[in-house]
Amino acid sequence: MFGKYRWLLRLIGLAIIAVALLGNLPGAWPIGIGIVGLVVFFLAGPT
């Protein structure tokens, strides 16, 4: 779907997941941000 920008979507997804894991955010924020990161990562489609 995104063609040549798949690598960029995967990188952004991994960066969002890293922020969720390492950001030391309070409450349920890490879970929500992690889910968004996974959605962006898998939005790129199959490798």
PDB file of N, CA and C in Angstrom:
ATOM      1  N   MET A   1       0.819  -1.196   0.000  1.00  0.00           N
ATOM      2  CA  MET A   1       0.000   0.000   0.000  1.00  0.00           C
ATOM      3  C   MET A   1       0.865   1.263   0.000  1.00  0.00           C
ATOM      4  N   PHE A   2       1.971   1.256   0.747  1.00  0.00           N
ATOM      5  CA  PHE A   2       2.799   2.445   0.858  1.00  0.00           C
ATOM      6  C   PHE A   2       4.081   2.351   0.046  1.00  0.00           C
ATOM      7  N   GLY A   3       4.277   1.220  -0.624  1.00  0.00           N
ATOM      8  CA  GLY A   3       5.402   1.062  -1.537  1.00  0.00           C
ATOM      9  C   GLY A   3       6.756   1.273  -0.897  1.00  0.00           C
ATOM     10  N   LYS A   4       7.463   2.269  -1.415  1.00  0.00           N
ATOM     11  CA  LYS A   4       8.846   2.477  -0.993  1.00  0.00           C
ATOM     12  C   LYS A   4       8.973   3.086   0.394  1.00  0.00           C
ATOM     13  N   TYR A   5       7.872   3.454   1.029  1.00  0.00           N
ATOM     14  CA  TYR A   5       7.938   4.065   2.352  1.00  0.00           C
ATOM     15  C   TYR A   5       7.693   3.069   3.482  1.00  0.00           C
ATOM     16  N   ARG A   6       7.690   1.772   3.163  1.00  0.00           N
ATOM     17  CA  ARG A   6       7.468   0.755   4.195  1.00  0.00           C
ATOM     18  C   ARG A   6       8.523   0.815   5.286  1.00  0.00           C
ATOM     19  N   TRP A   7       9.772   0.983   4.885  1.00  0.00           N
ATOM     20  CA  TRP A   7      10.853   1.029   5.870  1.00  0.00           C
ATOM     21  C   TRP A   7      10.664   2.195   6.818  1.00  0.00           C
ATOM     22  N   LEU A   8      10.161   3.323   6.302  1.00  0.00           N
ATOM     23  CA  LEU A   8       9.942   4.498   7.143  1.00  0.00           C
ATOM     24  C   LEU A   8       8.809   4.253   8.137  1.00  0.00           C
ATOM     25  N   LEU A   9       7.729   3.613   7.686  1.00  0.00           N
ATOM     26  CA  LEU A   9       6.636   3.284   8.596  1.00  0.00           C
ATOM     27  C   LEU A   9       7.095   2.321   9.677  1.00  0.00           C
ATOM     28  N   ARG A  10       7.893   1.346   9.311  1.00  0.00           N
ATOM     29  CA  ARG A  10       8.399   0.395  10.308  1.00  0.00           C
ATOM     30  C   ARG A  10       9.304   1.100  11.315  1.00  0.00           C
ATOM     31  N   LEU A  11      10.145   2.000  10.846  1.00  0.00           N
ATOM     32  CA  LEU A  11      11.033   2.743  11.732  1.00  0.00           C
ATOM     33  C   LEU A  11      10.246   3.635  12.685  1.00  0.00           C
ATOM     34  N   ILE A  12       9.225   4.302  12.175  1.00  0.00           N
ATOM     35  CA  ILE A  12       8.380   5.143  13.019  1.00  0.00           C
ATOM     36  C   ILE A  12       7.652   4.294  14.054  1.00  0.00           C
ATOM     37  N   GLY A  13       7.138   3.147  13.634  1.00  0.00           N
ATOM     38  CA  GLY A  13       6.462   2.250  14.569  1.00  0.00           C
ATOM     39  C   GLY A  13       7.382   1.785  15.677  1.00  0.00           C
ATOM     40  N   LEU A  14       8.609   1.414  15.318  1.00  0.00           N
ATOM     41  CA  LEU A  14       9.576   0.987  16.330  1.00  0.00           C
ATOM     42  C   LEU A  14       9.951   2.137  17.259  1.00  0.00           C
ATOM     43  N   ALA A  15      10.053   3.344  16.718  1.00  0.00           N
ATOM     44  CA  ALA A  15      10.371   4.501  17.556  1.00  0.00           C
ATOM     45  C   ALA A  15       9.245   4.780  18.548  1.00  0.00           C
ATOM     46  N   ILE A  16       8.002   4.657  18.110  1.00  0.00           N
ATOM     47  CA  ILE A  16       6.864   4.875  19.003  1.00  0.00           C
ATOM     48  C   ILE A  16       6.847   3.815  20.101  1.00  0.00           C
ATOM     49  N   ILE A  17       7.131   2.570  19.736  1.00  0.00           N
ATOM     50  CA  ILE A  17       7.185   1.499  20.735  1.00  0.00           C
ATOM     51  C   ILE A  17       8.318   1.763  21.727  1.00  0.00           C
ATOM     52  N   ALA A  18       9.458   2.243  21.251  1.00  0.00           N
ATOM     53  CA  ALA A  18      10.578   2.548  22.143  1.00  0.00           C
ATOM     54  C   ALA A  18      10.219   3.662  23.118  1.00  0.00           C
ATOM     55  N   VAL A  19       9.500   4.668  22.652  1.00  0.00           N
ATOM     56  CA  VAL A  19       9.055   5.740  23.544  1.00  0.00           C
ATOM     57  C   VAL A  19       8.125   5.181  24.609  1.00  0.00           C
ATOM     58  N   ALA A  20       7.247   4.276  24.212  1.00  0.00           N
ATOM     59  CA  ALA A  20       6.326   3.672  25.178  1.00  0.00           C
ATOM     60  C   ALA A  20       7.082   2.856  26.220  1.00  0.00           C
ATOM     61  N   LEU A  21       8.119   2.145  25.799  1.00  0.00           N
ATOM     62  CA  LEU A  21       8.870   1.301  26.728  1.00  0.00           C
ATOM     63  C   LEU A  21       9.815   2.103  27.615  1.00  0.00           C
ATOM     64  N   LEU A  22      10.470   3.091  27.048  1.00  0.00           N
ATOM     65  CA  LEU A  22      11.533   3.800  27.758  1.00  0.00           C
ATOM     66  C   LEU A  22      11.137   5.190  28.239  1.00  0.00           C
ATOM     67  N   GLY A  23       9.926   5.625  27.910  1.00  0.00           N
ATOM     68  CA  GLY A  23       9.523   6.990  28.216  1.00  0.00           C
ATOM     69  C   GLY A  23       9.203   7.268  29.666  1.00  0.00           C
ATOM     70  N   ASN A  24       9.034   6.219  30.481  1.00  0.00           N
ATOM     71  CA  ASN A  24       8.712   6.380  31.896  1.00  0.00           C
ATOM     72  C   ASN A  24       7.459   7.244  32.075  1.00  0.00           C
ATOM     73  N   LEU A  25       6.431   6.953  31.290  1.00  0.00           N
ATOM     74  CA  LEU A  25       5.193   7.718  31.338  1.00  0.00           C
ATOM     75  C   LEU A  25       4.257   7.147  32.399  1.00  0.00           C
ATOM     76  N   PRO A  26       3.444   8.000  33.024  1.00  0.00           N
ATOM     77  CA  PRO A  26       2.549   7.535  34.088  1.00  0.00           C
ATOM     78  C   PRO A  26       1.277   6.897  33.539  1.00  0.00           C
ATOM     79  N   GLY A  27       0.649   6.102  34.361  1.00  0.00           N
ATOM     80  CA  GLY A  27      -0.673   5.567  34.055  1.00  0.00           C
ATOM     81  C   GLY A  27      -0.698   4.620  32.877  1.00  0.00           C
ATOM     82  N   ALA A  28      -1.779   4.732  32.103  1.00  0.00           N
ATOM     83  CA  ALA A  28      -2.003   3.829  30.974  1.00  0.00           C
ATOM     84  C   ALA A  28      -1.403   4.354  29.672  1.00  0.00           C
ATOM     85  N   TRP A  29      -0.685   5.457  29.709  1.00  0.00           N
ATOM     86  CA  TRP A  29      -0.107   6.018  28.492  1.00  0.00           C
ATOM     87  C   TRP A  29       0.806   5.048  27.752  1.00  0.00           C
ATOM     88  N   PRO A  30       1.692   4.326  28.420  1.00  0.00           N
ATOM     89  CA  PRO A  30       2.571   3.405  27.676  1.00  0.00           C
ATOM     90  C   PRO A  30       1.814   2.336  26.904  1.00  0.00           C
ATOM     91  N   ILE A  31       0.713   1.849  27.452  1.00  0.00           N
ATOM     92  CA  ILE A  31      -0.071   0.820  26.757  1.00  0.00           C
ATOM     93  C   ILE A  31      -0.678   1.396  25.484  1.00  0.00           C
ATOM     94  N   GLY A  32      -1.291   2.561  25.588  1.00  0.00           N
ATOM     95  CA  GLY A  32      -1.906   3.199  24.422  1.00  0.00           C
ATOM     96  C   GLY A  32      -0.896   3.549  23.352  1.00  0.00           C
ATOM     97  N   ILE A  33       0.228   4.103  23.769  1.00  0.00           N
ATOM     98  CA  ILE A  33       1.267   4.473  22.808  1.00  0.00           C
ATOM     99  C   ILE A  33       1.867   3.225  22.166  1.00  0.00           C
ATOM    100  N   GLY A  34       2.034   2.166  22.949  1.00  0.00           N
ATOM    101  CA  GLY A  34       2.547   0.911  22.399  1.00  0.00           C
ATOM    102  C   GLY A  34       1.621   0.316  21.357  1.00  0.00           C
ATOM    103  N   ILE A  35       0.318   0.390  21.608  1.00  0.00           N
ATOM    104  CA  ILE A  35      -0.657  -0.113  20.637  1.00  0.00           C
ATOM    105  C   ILE A  35      -0.588   0.696  19.351  1.00  0.00           C
ATOM    106  N   VAL A  36      -0.480   2.009  19.474  1.00  0.00           N
ATOM    107  CA  VAL A  36      -0.352   2.856  18.280  1.00  0.00           C
ATOM    108  C   VAL A  36       0.918   2.493  17.510  1.00  0.00           C
ATOM    109  N   GLY A  37       2.005   2.249  18.222  1.00  0.00           N
ATOM    110  CA  GLY A  37       3.254   1.850  17.573  1.00  0.00           C
ATOM    111  C   GLY A  37       3.120   0.546  16.813  1.00  0.00           C
ATOM    112  N   LEU A  38       2.434  -0.421  17.417  1.00  0.00           N
ATOM    113  CA  LEU A  38       2.213  -1.696  16.728  1.00  0.00           C
ATOM    114  C   LEU A  38       1.353  -1.522  15.484  1.00  0.00           C
ATOM    115  N   VAL A  39       0.331  -0.692  15.585  1.00  0.00           N
ATOM    116  CA  VAL A  39      -0.539  -0.452  14.426  1.00  0.00           C
ATOM    117  C   VAL A  39       0.259   0.171  13.291  1.00  0.00           C
ATOM    118  N   VAL A  40       1.073   1.174  13.606  1.00  0.00           N
ATOM    119  CA  VAL A  40       1.880   1.824  12.566  1.00  0.00           C
ATOM    120  C   VAL A  40       2.885   0.836  11.977  1.00  0.00           C
ATOM    121  N   PHE A  41       3.498   0.016  12.834  1.00  0.00           N
ATOM    122  CA  PHE A  41       4.483  -0.963  12.359  1.00  0.00           C
ATOM    123  C   PHE A  41       3.848  -1.952  11.391  1.00  0.00           C
ATOM    124  N   PHE A  42       2.689  -2.498  11.752  1.00  0.00           N
ATOM    125  CA  PHE A  42       2.052  -3.500  10.903  1.00  0.00           C
ATOM    126  C   PHE A  42       1.261  -2.883   9.748  1.00  0.00           C
ATOM    127  N   LEU A  43       1.048  -1.579   9.774  1.00  0.00           N
ATOM    128  CA  LEU A  43       0.392  -0.897   8.663  1.00  0.00           C
ATOM    129  C   LEU A  43       1.256  -0.958   7.405  1.00  0.00           C
ATOM    130  N   ALA A  44       2.552  -1.109   7.592  1.00  0.00           N
ATOM    131  CA  ALA A  44       3.470  -1.173   6.454  1.00  0.00           C
ATOM    132  C   ALA A  44       3.266  -2.437   5.628  1.00  0.00           C
ATOM    133  N   GLY A  45       2.595  -3.427   6.173  1.00  0.00           N
ATOM    134  CA  GLY A  45       2.333  -4.649   5.426  1.00  0.00           C
ATOM    135  C   GLY A  45       3.451  -5.662   5.571  1.00  0.00           C
ATOM    136  N   PRO A  46       3.364  -6.743   4.810  1.00  0.00           N
ATOM    137  CA  PRO A  46       4.377  -7.798   4.912  1.00  0.00           C
ATOM    138  C   PRO A  46       5.732  -7.337   4.384  1.00  0.00           C
ATOM    139  N   THR A  47       6.763  -7.961   4.889  1.00  0.00           N
ATOM    140  CA  THR A  47       8.118  -7.571   4.470  1.00  0.00           C
ATOM    141  C   THR A  47       8.423  -8.074   3.084  1.00  0.00           C
TER     142      THR A  47
END
